[in-house]
Amino acid sequence: MTVPGPDAPSPEAPRDGSSPLPRDVVRDQAFDLGYALRKNRWGAGALALALVALLVAIIVQPGIWQSPDWRYVAPPAALAVLAGMAAILRREPRWQFAVAAFAVAGSAMVLGWVLIVVGILLGFFIALAILHEVF
């Protein structure tokens, strides 16, 4: 019986050349959405609640430049913020879900102002592109 040398693969090492490290540690693999949602349930739930708050804000907003009725938008936005805080406190690997939930829930609360700022920035960049072509 021969003793394997230091360069020989261990019996636990995978034979297909993949890394023996857990999937959270391996950085060169493609992003797997299903795996990320399973590992970040609170963060993904917070983002889903924030999108619900944004959808409610879009539906109940009286005018395009007015803020939506907070009685309808605040409950799902507050739940999204609480779920995002729970995700951060649980130290889920993808904290970006919680941060995106905070941003979407906050923009749902002040949707009219967000649309005004987006309109101003869009007009600025259109004027900038036109002036860049002229001069």
Protein backbone atom coordinates (compact mmCIF):
# COMPACT_ATOMS: atom_id res chain seq x y z
CA MET A 1 0.00 0.00 0.00
CA THR A 2 1.38 3.41 -0.99
CA VAL A 3 0.98 6.57 1.04
CA PRO A 4 -0.33 9.54 -0.98
CA GLY A 5 2.04 12.48 -1.29
CA PRO A 6 1.29 16.05 -0.23
CA ASP A 7 0.05 16.96 -3.74
CA ALA A 8 -2.45 14.10 -3.95
CA PRO A 9 -6.11 15.08 -3.58
CA SER A 10 -7.74 14.16 -0.33
CA PRO A 11 -10.67 11.70 -0.40
CA GLU A 12 -13.03 14.54 0.54
CA ALA A 13 -11.96 16.75 -2.37
CA PRO A 14 -14.41 16.86 -5.26
CA ARG A 15 -13.28 15.06 -8.40
CA ASP A 16 -14.82 17.52 -10.89
CA GLY A 17 -12.42 20.34 -10.05
CA SER A 18 -14.92 22.49 -8.19
CA SER A 19 -13.97 24.17 -4.97
CA PRO A 20 -14.55 22.34 -1.68
CA LEU A 21 -15.50 25.67 -0.06
CA PRO A 22 -19.14 26.45 0.77
CA ARG A 23 -21.10 28.39 -1.84
CA ASP A 24 -21.03 31.56 0.28
CA VAL A 25 -17.24 31.62 0.09
CA VAL A 26 -16.77 30.82 -3.61
CA ARG A 27 -16.66 34.10 -5.54
CA ASP A 28 -16.24 32.97 -9.15
CA GLN A 29 -19.63 31.27 -9.51
CA ALA A 30 -22.61 32.91 -11.17
CA PHE A 31 -25.23 34.55 -8.96
CA ASP A 32 -27.97 32.05 -8.08
CA LEU A 33 -31.19 33.92 -7.27
CA GLY A 34 -32.94 30.92 -5.73
CA TYR A 35 -30.03 30.26 -3.40
CA ALA A 36 -29.83 33.93 -2.45
CA LEU A 37 -33.55 34.04 -1.67
CA ARG A 38 -33.29 30.93 0.51
CA LYS A 39 -30.35 32.33 2.47
CA ASN A 40 -31.86 35.84 2.79
CA ARG A 41 -35.51 35.29 3.55
CA TRP A 42 -36.00 38.41 5.66
CA GLY A 43 -34.18 40.64 3.21
CA ALA A 44 -36.11 39.27 0.23
CA GLY A 45 -39.37 39.61 2.19
CA ALA A 46 -38.50 43.20 3.03
CA LEU A 47 -37.86 43.97 -0.63
CA ALA A 48 -41.16 42.33 -1.61
CA LEU A 49 -43.05 44.38 1.00
CA ALA A 50 -41.34 47.54 -0.21
CA LEU A 51 -42.40 46.78 -3.78
CA VAL A 52 -45.97 46.26 -2.53
CA ALA A 53 -45.78 49.66 -0.81
CA LEU A 54 -44.55 51.24 -4.05
CA LEU A 55 -47.36 49.58 -6.01
CA VAL A 56 -49.94 50.81 -3.49
CA ALA A 57 -48.45 54.30 -3.69
CA ILE A 58 -48.70 54.28 -7.48
CA ILE A 59 -52.32 53.13 -7.36
CA VAL A 60 -53.64 55.49 -4.66
CA GLN A 61 -51.65 58.58 -5.65
CA PRO A 62 -54.19 61.31 -6.53
CA GLY A 63 -51.99 63.29 -8.94
CA ILE A 64 -48.65 62.62 -10.51
CA TRP A 65 -46.88 65.38 -8.52
CA GLN A 66 -48.70 64.83 -5.21
CA SER A 67 -47.66 62.58 -2.37
CA PRO A 68 -49.75 59.44 -1.92
CA ASP A 69 -52.12 58.96 1.00
CA TRP A 70 -49.96 57.83 3.91
CA ARG A 71 -52.81 55.82 5.47
CA TYR A 72 -52.42 53.28 2.68
CA VAL A 73 -48.71 53.45 2.00
CA ALA A 74 -47.29 53.61 5.53
CA PRO A 75 -48.25 50.12 6.79
CA PRO A 76 -46.48 48.07 4.08
CA ALA A 77 -43.55 50.52 4.07
CA ALA A 78 -43.18 50.23 7.85
CA LEU A 79 -43.34 46.44 7.63
CA ALA A 80 -40.68 46.52 4.91
CA VAL A 81 -38.40 48.64 7.10
CA LEU A 82 -38.94 46.33 10.08
CA ALA A 83 -38.23 43.24 7.97
CA GLY A 84 -35.10 44.91 6.58
CA MET A 85 -33.92 45.70 10.09
CA ALA A 86 -34.56 42.07 11.07
CA ALA A 87 -32.49 40.93 8.08
CA ILE A 88 -29.59 43.15 9.13
CA LEU A 89 -29.83 42.04 12.76
CA ARG A 90 -29.86 38.39 11.64
CA ARG A 91 -26.66 39.15 9.67
CA GLU A 92 -27.93 37.70 6.43
CA PRO A 93 -25.19 37.42 3.79
CA ARG A 94 -26.84 39.72 1.22
CA TRP A 95 -27.51 42.93 3.14
CA GLN A 96 -28.16 44.65 -0.21
CA PHE A 97 -31.73 43.30 -0.18
CA ALA A 98 -32.44 45.21 3.04
CA VAL A 99 -30.83 48.41 1.76
CA ALA A 100 -32.84 48.20 -1.47
CA ALA A 101 -35.99 47.66 0.61
CA PHE A 102 -35.23 50.81 2.63
CA ALA A 103 -34.76 52.81 -0.57
CA VAL A 104 -37.93 51.53 -2.26
CA ALA A 105 -40.06 51.94 0.88
CA GLY A 106 -38.77 55.46 1.37
CA SER A 107 -39.45 56.40 -2.23
CA ALA A 108 -42.96 54.94 -1.94
CA MET A 109 -43.70 57.26 0.97
CA VAL A 110 -42.73 60.38 -0.98
CA LEU A 111 -43.46 59.23 -4.53
CA GLY A 112 -44.55 62.67 -5.76
CA TRP A 113 -41.29 64.29 -4.71
CA VAL A 114 -39.29 61.44 -6.21
CA LEU A 115 -41.07 61.95 -9.53
CA ILE A 116 -40.36 65.69 -9.41
CA VAL A 117 -36.65 65.10 -8.82
CA VAL A 118 -36.50 62.45 -11.55
CA GLY A 119 -38.25 64.83 -13.98
CA ILE A 120 -35.83 67.65 -13.18
CA LEU A 121 -32.80 65.39 -13.58
CA LEU A 122 -34.16 63.97 -16.83
CA GLY A 123 -34.69 67.49 -18.21
CA PHE A 124 -31.20 68.47 -17.13
CA PHE A 125 -29.56 65.53 -18.86
CA ILE A 126 -31.60 66.04 -22.03
CA ALA A 127 -30.56 69.72 -22.12
CA LEU A 128 -26.97 68.69 -21.41
CA ALA A 129 -27.01 66.22 -24.32
CA ILE A 130 -28.50 68.81 -26.66
CA LEU A 131 -25.99 71.47 -25.64
CA HIS A 132 -23.16 68.99 -25.97
CA GLU A 133 -24.14 68.32 -29.59
CA VAL A 134 -24.54 72.05 -30.38
CA PHE A 135 -21.28 73.29 -28.89
